[in-house]
Amino acid sequence: CSTDSDCCLWSHCSAGECDHDGTWKPPAGSPQPTSPPVLPSPTPPPTPNPTSPPASSGGYCNWNDCNGDVQGGPWCNENSGRCTNGCGGTWCSGGGGPTSPPTPNPTSSPISSRGYCNWNGCNGDVQGGPWCNENSGRCTNGCGGTWCSGGEGPPPTPMPTPRPTPQPVNVPNPTPPTTGDFEDGLTLTHYWDCSGQSCDATTLQPWNEDRYRSPKGYQPQDPANFGGAVYGEKMWLTAAIMNIDMGPSDSCCGELDSGEGGCGKCVLIQNPDSINPDWTALVMKKNTCGSCVSGPHIDVNVPGFDVLEFSLANICGADGTGLTENESTILGEWYNTYQNTKQAQHLCDQLPLQYQEGCQLFTEWGWTTGNPRNAKYKVVECPQAYKDFIASQFDEGGITAAGLP
């Protein structure tokens, strides 16, 4: 930097140079956004059919003392398990009748009025088991029986419905905001220097530099672990947030020495320079920088994403920090090797186990540049669950038992 007054981030001296108007210019050769790759849609799992028991040797299904008639249709005659357990017939062996070749399970026809399946002139016996008696279509087309109506027989035994294809559980949420609600012009960066967050400096009493550390809970969190997203967001983050009016600090999460405010308050952000430009992330202010770029700027906390070359406050490796200096920078310069953070996700495996989940969650976003400059933001209410969680990580004694790495 030519000077720190315009380009010094909290714990960072950003790369590049400062223009005369204070605009930060990226270094030569800095990666440019690439077109997001088209990701294949996941193939939904097939709807399960009734599970077939292991096929038995040749034989046939019958309801008339093994008189040689193959009854129950292809489904019941697939094997002895289907005949006896699924259809309620008798499995006849010894060559009494031909074995029907295996066929796909019949598709259920529309359910008819109450009746029953029978092979003996509608004599009142409910034959064919629950599957054949589900409806007339199954009885006549799938099982080869006669559908008897008019109340001659008792109602069929209900057949347990095959388990449907699992669907994602959606927690009821407010309608996600549209892009029209957002403001443009936000610069994004990333870091993790293990040092304490400035909103916690006034919480720590008495001051003790050796206890001024970032808890592990300040890494990216999955809203699903806290009851679900509130705005449709994919992750919860903490960050240094500058030049965004967020109002006074929330009592949950510290205060700045300057009284600037905003601690414990949240913004919702989108990053067009990513493979998931429609994703949103909720970001809580836990840090700031007194001499940063003049526009809105968020420097998100992600373990492994510090850039040591520009970091002014990296203390990783010291007692209670959870990461070594090398571990804190494993993905810091991902853009020199990969097109997006998703491609670098495997590097998260080199972090201590308690930091891998947050690292992996962030990389899923797929930033395509290390310093997106036209991200979108909107000040929103922080979810109470997130405020409670962050409040549990740090108190007047420093990192709590819940936040220890």
Foldseek 3Di string as FASTA:
>chain_A
DVDLQQAAWAQFRAAQDADPVSDGDHDPPFFDFDAQDDDDDDDFDDWDDPDDDDADPWWAWDAPPLQLDRFFAQQLLRHVCCRCPVWVTHTGDDPSYGRDHHDPQDDDDPADPFWAWDAPPLQADRTGAQQLLRHVCCRCPHTVTHTGDDPSYDGGDHDPDRDTRDDDDAQDADEADDLVQWDKFEKEAEFAQQFAAQQCQVQAPPGDRLQGGFFLVQFKDACVVQRDDHRQAGIEHEWAKPDDCQDAADPLAGAHPVRSHQAQFWKKKAFCSFSCRVHIYIYGYRHYDDRYHPHIYIYTYAAQQHDVVTGDRRPAPRPQSQHHPNRRNQCNPVLVPDQWLLVVLVSLVVGPPSRNVSNNSVRVRTRRGNMGGIMIMHTDGDPPSVSVVNSQQAGNNHGDPVRGD
